[in-house]
């Protein structure tokens, strides 16, 4: 796999994962009115980034 595809995949997946986890954190804190729920959203970041890498990698791999 060419290096530029890996760089593009990382450049897309990391900001998307960060925004998603921050959004979940903010929503959970607003719903439950407890700042401790922010850690759940930040924990999702560690699940989302590898998943985004895998999805973007599969897309680029199929396109050759």
C-alpha atoms as a PDB file:
ATOM      1  CA  UNK A   1       0.000   0.000   0.000  1.00  0.00           C
ATOM      2  CA  UNK A   2       1.443   3.392  -0.939  1.00  0.00           C
ATOM      3  CA  UNK A   3       2.456   5.683   1.884  1.00  0.00           C
ATOM      4  CA  UNK A   4       0.148   8.487   0.764  1.00  0.00           C
ATOM      5  CA  UNK A   5      -2.895   6.271   1.284  1.00  0.00           C
ATOM      6  CA  UNK A   6      -1.827   5.553   4.854  1.00  0.00           C
ATOM      7  CA  UNK A   7      -1.227   9.247   5.508  1.00  0.00           C
ATOM      8  CA  UNK A   8      -4.606  10.230   4.057  1.00  0.00           C
ATOM      9  CA  UNK A   9      -6.340   7.507   6.062  1.00  0.00           C
ATOM     10  CA  UNK A  10      -4.727   8.672   9.293  1.00  0.00           C
ATOM     11  CA  UNK A  11      -5.386  12.299   8.487  1.00  0.00           C
ATOM     12  CA  UNK A  12      -9.082  11.586   8.035  1.00  0.00           C
ATOM     13  CA  UNK A  13      -9.740   9.006  10.741  1.00  0.00           C
ATOM     14  CA  UNK A  14      -8.018  10.696  13.687  1.00  0.00           C
ATOM     15  CA  UNK A  15      -9.893  14.042  13.492  1.00  0.00           C
ATOM     16  CA  UNK A  16     -13.196  12.268  12.782  1.00  0.00           C
ATOM     17  CA  UNK A  17     -12.666   9.964  15.752  1.00  0.00           C
ATOM     18  CA  UNK A  18     -11.728  12.858  18.005  1.00  0.00           C
ATOM     19  CA  UNK A  19     -14.788  14.909  17.003  1.00  0.00           C
ATOM     20  CA  UNK A  20     -17.071  11.900  17.443  1.00  0.00           C
ATOM     21  CA  UNK A  21     -15.739  11.104  20.920  1.00  0.00           C
ATOM     22  CA  UNK A  22     -15.947  14.744  22.014  1.00  0.00           C
ATOM     23  CA  UNK A  23     -19.525  14.962  20.744  1.00  0.00           C
ATOM     24  CA  UNK A  24     -20.472  11.825  22.685  1.00  0.00           C
ATOM     25  CA  UNK A  25     -18.756  13.227  25.790  1.00  0.00           C
ATOM     26  CA  UNK A  26     -20.636  16.515  25.579  1.00  0.00           C
ATOM     27  CA  UNK A  27     -23.980  14.791  24.996  1.00  0.00           C
ATOM     28  CA  UNK A  28     -23.503  12.380  27.921  1.00  0.00           C
ATOM     29  CA  UNK A  29     -22.446  15.181  30.279  1.00  0.00           C
ATOM     30  CA  UNK A  30     -25.498  17.220  29.262  1.00  0.00           C
ATOM     31  CA  UNK A  31     -27.895  14.283  29.657  1.00  0.00           C
ATOM     32  CA  UNK A  32     -26.628  12.994  33.000  1.00  0.00           C
ATOM     33  CA  UNK A  33     -25.286  16.317  34.342  1.00  0.00           C
ATOM     34  CA  UNK A  34     -22.171  14.552  35.628  1.00  0.00           C
ATOM     35  CA  UNK A  35     -18.672  15.357  34.314  1.00  0.00           C
ATOM     36  CA  UNK A  36     -17.555  11.768  34.946  1.00  0.00           C
ATOM     37  CA  UNK A  37     -19.456  10.680  31.835  1.00  0.00           C
ATOM     38  CA  UNK A  38     -16.982  12.625  29.693  1.00  0.00           C
ATOM     39  CA  UNK A  39     -14.499   9.780  30.186  1.00  0.00           C
ATOM     40  CA  UNK A  40     -16.888   7.376  28.444  1.00  0.00           C
ATOM     41  CA  UNK A  41     -16.801   9.526  25.323  1.00  0.00           C
ATOM     42  CA  UNK A  42     -13.029   9.782  25.458  1.00  0.00           C
ATOM     43  CA  UNK A  43     -12.860   6.014  25.859  1.00  0.00           C
ATOM     44  CA  UNK A  44     -14.786   5.644  22.617  1.00  0.00           C
ATOM     45  CA  UNK A  45     -11.942   7.429  20.855  1.00  0.00           C
ATOM     46  CA  UNK A  46      -9.683   4.422  21.423  1.00  0.00           C
ATOM     47  CA  UNK A  47     -12.305   2.178  19.832  1.00  0.00           C
ATOM     48  CA  UNK A  48     -13.137   4.463  16.930  1.00  0.00           C
ATOM     49  CA  UNK A  49      -9.689   5.340  15.588  1.00  0.00           C
ATOM     50  CA  UNK A  50      -8.597   1.734  14.815  1.00  0.00           C
ATOM     51  CA  UNK A  51     -12.031   1.051  13.338  1.00  0.00           C
ATOM     52  CA  UNK A  52     -11.762   4.131  11.129  1.00  0.00           C
ATOM     53  CA  UNK A  53      -8.266   3.066  10.062  1.00  0.00           C
ATOM     54  CA  UNK A  54      -9.634  -0.339   9.092  1.00  0.00           C
ATOM     55  CA  UNK A  55     -12.595   1.032   7.137  1.00  0.00           C
ATOM     56  CA  UNK A  56     -10.563   3.642   5.275  1.00  0.00           C
ATOM     57  CA  UNK A  57      -7.819   1.104   4.617  1.00  0.00           C
ATOM     58  CA  UNK A  58     -10.325  -1.320   3.096  1.00  0.00           C
ATOM     59  CA  UNK A  59     -11.751   1.418   0.869  1.00  0.00           C
ATOM     60  CA  UNK A  60      -8.319   2.420  -0.418  1.00  0.00           C
ATOM     61  CA  UNK A  61      -7.268  -1.213  -0.781  1.00  0.00           C
ATOM     62  CA  UNK A  62     -10.278  -1.976  -3.000  1.00  0.00           C
ATOM     63  CA  UNK A  63      -9.615   1.023  -5.208  1.00  0.00           C
ATOM     64  CA  UNK A  64      -6.097  -0.197  -5.839  1.00  0.00           C
END
